[in-house]
Amino acid sequence: LEVGPGNVLSTLTSKCVKSPEGWKPDFLQSMRHPKATKTHDVEAFLGALGKLWEAGCNVNWDQLHTKVLGNTRLPPLTRLPVYSFEET
């Protein structure tokens, strides 16, 4: 996880890491690149957090929604249709 704008450290690290055949290290940036003006900072942070969760890291969602995003309670669950044309 690279903490800071841009991807300089992950680019340099990827050139230095000798990985076994078929394995490639994953690098995540927690902040948007300075030139990515169409991406909001929170969007970049939540995207990196989602990728960490996909990789198997534990995330305290309660703390995220209440402390970081400023909500007083968790967002309600949304019922999704099981069939793409089904109305909810």
C-alpha atoms as a PDB file:
ATOM      1  CA  LEU A   1       0.000   0.000   0.000  1.00  0.00           C
ATOM      2  CA  GLU A   2       1.558   3.254  -1.108  1.00  0.00           C
ATOM      3  CA  VAL A   3       0.540   6.161   1.094  1.00  0.00           C
ATOM      4  CA  GLY A   4       1.005   9.402  -0.751  1.00  0.00           C
ATOM      5  CA  PRO A   5       0.123  10.899  -4.106  1.00  0.00           C
ATOM      6  CA  GLY A   6       1.414   9.247  -7.225  1.00  0.00           C
ATOM      7  CA  ASN A   7       3.024   5.873  -7.744  1.00  0.00           C
ATOM      8  CA  VAL A   8       6.759   6.565  -7.562  1.00  0.00           C
ATOM      9  CA  LEU A   9       7.515   4.107  -4.752  1.00  0.00           C
ATOM     10  CA  SER A  10       5.513   1.263  -6.251  1.00  0.00           C
ATOM     11  CA  THR A  11       7.143   1.814  -9.655  1.00  0.00           C
ATOM     12  CA  LEU A  12      10.645   1.699  -8.155  1.00  0.00           C
ATOM     13  CA  THR A  13       9.786  -1.293  -5.968  1.00  0.00           C
ATOM     14  CA  SER A  14       8.361  -3.254  -8.897  1.00  0.00           C
ATOM     15  CA  LYS A  15      11.710  -2.851 -10.670  1.00  0.00           C
ATOM     16  CA  CYS A  16      13.643  -4.076  -7.615  1.00  0.00           C
ATOM     17  CA  VAL A  17      11.485  -7.024  -6.546  1.00  0.00           C
ATOM     18  CA  LYS A  18      12.581 -10.336  -7.971  1.00  0.00           C
ATOM     19  CA  SER A  19       9.465 -12.449  -8.037  1.00  0.00           C
ATOM     20  CA  PRO A  20       9.149 -16.179  -8.603  1.00  0.00           C
ATOM     21  CA  GLU A  21       7.729 -17.271 -11.912  1.00  0.00           C
ATOM     22  CA  GLY A  22       4.029 -16.513 -12.241  1.00  0.00           C
ATOM     23  CA  TRP A  23       3.880 -14.250  -9.197  1.00  0.00           C
ATOM     24  CA  LYS A  24       3.602 -10.493  -9.393  1.00  0.00           C
ATOM     25  CA  PRO A  25       3.358  -8.208  -6.358  1.00  0.00           C
ATOM     26  CA  ASP A  26       0.279  -6.003  -6.077  1.00  0.00           C
ATOM     27  CA  PHE A  27       0.732  -2.305  -5.447  1.00  0.00           C
ATOM     28  CA  LEU A  28      -2.098  -0.058  -4.318  1.00  0.00           C
ATOM     29  CA  GLN A  29      -2.100   3.709  -4.097  1.00  0.00           C
ATOM     30  CA  SER A  30      -4.245   5.125  -1.280  1.00  0.00           C
ATOM     31  CA  MET A  31      -4.314   8.616  -2.799  1.00  0.00           C
ATOM     32  CA  ARG A  32      -5.094   9.716  -6.314  1.00  0.00           C
ATOM     33  CA  HIS A  33      -2.296  10.657  -8.681  1.00  0.00           C
ATOM     34  CA  PRO A  34      -1.811  14.458  -8.789  1.00  0.00           C
ATOM     35  CA  LYS A  35      -2.614  14.467 -12.518  1.00  0.00           C
ATOM     36  CA  ALA A  36      -5.845  12.491 -12.037  1.00  0.00           C
ATOM     37  CA  THR A  37      -8.042  15.550 -11.694  1.00  0.00           C
ATOM     38  CA  LYS A  38     -11.258  13.672 -12.563  1.00  0.00           C
ATOM     39  CA  THR A  39     -10.885  11.341  -9.572  1.00  0.00           C
ATOM     40  CA  HIS A  40     -11.977  12.544  -6.147  1.00  0.00           C
ATOM     41  CA  ASP A  41      -9.651  11.831  -3.198  1.00  0.00           C
ATOM     42  CA  VAL A  42     -12.329   9.879  -1.328  1.00  0.00           C
ATOM     43  CA  GLU A  43     -13.029   7.783  -4.430  1.00  0.00           C
ATOM     44  CA  ALA A  44      -9.343   6.865  -4.691  1.00  0.00           C
ATOM     45  CA  PHE A  45      -9.158   6.001  -0.985  1.00  0.00           C
ATOM     46  CA  LEU A  46     -12.302   3.852  -1.031  1.00  0.00           C
ATOM     47  CA  GLY A  47     -11.130   2.136  -4.215  1.00  0.00           C
ATOM     48  CA  ALA A  48      -7.831   1.179  -2.568  1.00  0.00           C
ATOM     49  CA  LEU A  49      -9.683   0.016   0.539  1.00  0.00           C
ATOM     50  CA  GLY A  50     -11.955  -2.149  -1.589  1.00  0.00           C
ATOM     51  CA  LYS A  51      -8.965  -3.733  -3.324  1.00  0.00           C
ATOM     52  CA  LEU A  52      -7.362  -4.460   0.048  1.00  0.00           C
ATOM     53  CA  TRP A  53     -10.621  -6.108   1.164  1.00  0.00           C
ATOM     54  CA  GLU A  54     -10.701  -8.171  -2.053  1.00  0.00           C
ATOM     55  CA  ALA A  55      -7.142  -9.311  -1.300  1.00  0.00           C
ATOM     56  CA  GLY A  56      -8.263 -10.654   2.087  1.00  0.00           C
ATOM     57  CA  CYS A  57      -7.447  -7.806   4.470  1.00  0.00           C
ATOM     58  CA  ASN A  58      -9.860  -7.240   7.335  1.00  0.00           C
ATOM     59  CA  VAL A  59     -11.703  -3.928   7.200  1.00  0.00           C
ATOM     60  CA  ASN A  60     -13.627  -2.437  10.096  1.00  0.00           C
ATOM     61  CA  TRP A  61     -16.587  -1.143   8.101  1.00  0.00           C
ATOM     62  CA  ASP A  62     -18.285   0.304  11.205  1.00  0.00           C
ATOM     63  CA  GLN A  63     -15.318   2.595  11.821  1.00  0.00           C
ATOM     64  CA  LEU A  64     -15.149   3.596   8.169  1.00  0.00           C
ATOM     65  CA  HIS A  65     -18.779   4.681   7.944  1.00  0.00           C
ATOM     66  CA  THR A  66     -18.943   6.445  11.284  1.00  0.00           C
ATOM     67  CA  LYS A  67     -15.463   7.883  11.918  1.00  0.00           C
ATOM     68  CA  VAL A  68     -14.126   8.494   8.401  1.00  0.00           C
ATOM     69  CA  LEU A  69     -17.267   9.363   6.451  1.00  0.00           C
ATOM     70  CA  GLY A  70     -18.935  11.194   9.338  1.00  0.00           C
ATOM     71  CA  ASN A  71     -22.158   9.187   9.457  1.00  0.00           C
ATOM     72  CA  THR A  72     -23.826   8.486  12.780  1.00  0.00           C
ATOM     73  CA  ARG A  73     -24.963   5.007  11.750  1.00  0.00           C
ATOM     74  CA  LEU A  74     -24.279   2.387   9.111  1.00  0.00           C
ATOM     75  CA  PRO A  75     -25.993   2.807   5.748  1.00  0.00           C
ATOM     76  CA  PRO A  76     -29.062   0.610   5.208  1.00  0.00           C
ATOM     77  CA  LEU A  77     -28.693  -2.587   3.226  1.00  0.00           C
ATOM     78  CA  THR A  78     -30.043  -2.438  -0.310  1.00  0.00           C
ATOM     79  CA  ARG A  79     -32.032  -5.331  -1.730  1.00  0.00           C
ATOM     80  CA  LEU A  80     -30.697  -6.291  -5.157  1.00  0.00           C
ATOM     81  CA  PRO A  81     -32.765  -8.161  -7.734  1.00  0.00           C
ATOM     82  CA  VAL A  82     -31.773 -11.764  -8.410  1.00  0.00           C
ATOM     83  CA  TYR A  83     -32.685 -11.378 -12.067  1.00  0.00           C
ATOM     84  CA  SER A  84     -31.401  -8.413 -14.065  1.00  0.00           C
ATOM     85  CA  PHE A  85     -34.863  -7.323 -15.275  1.00  0.00           C
ATOM     86  CA  GLU A  86     -36.694  -7.910 -12.019  1.00  0.00           C
ATOM     87  CA  GLU A  87     -38.046  -4.788 -10.349  1.00  0.00           C
ATOM     88  CA  THR A  88     -37.243  -4.289  -6.697  1.00  0.00           C
END
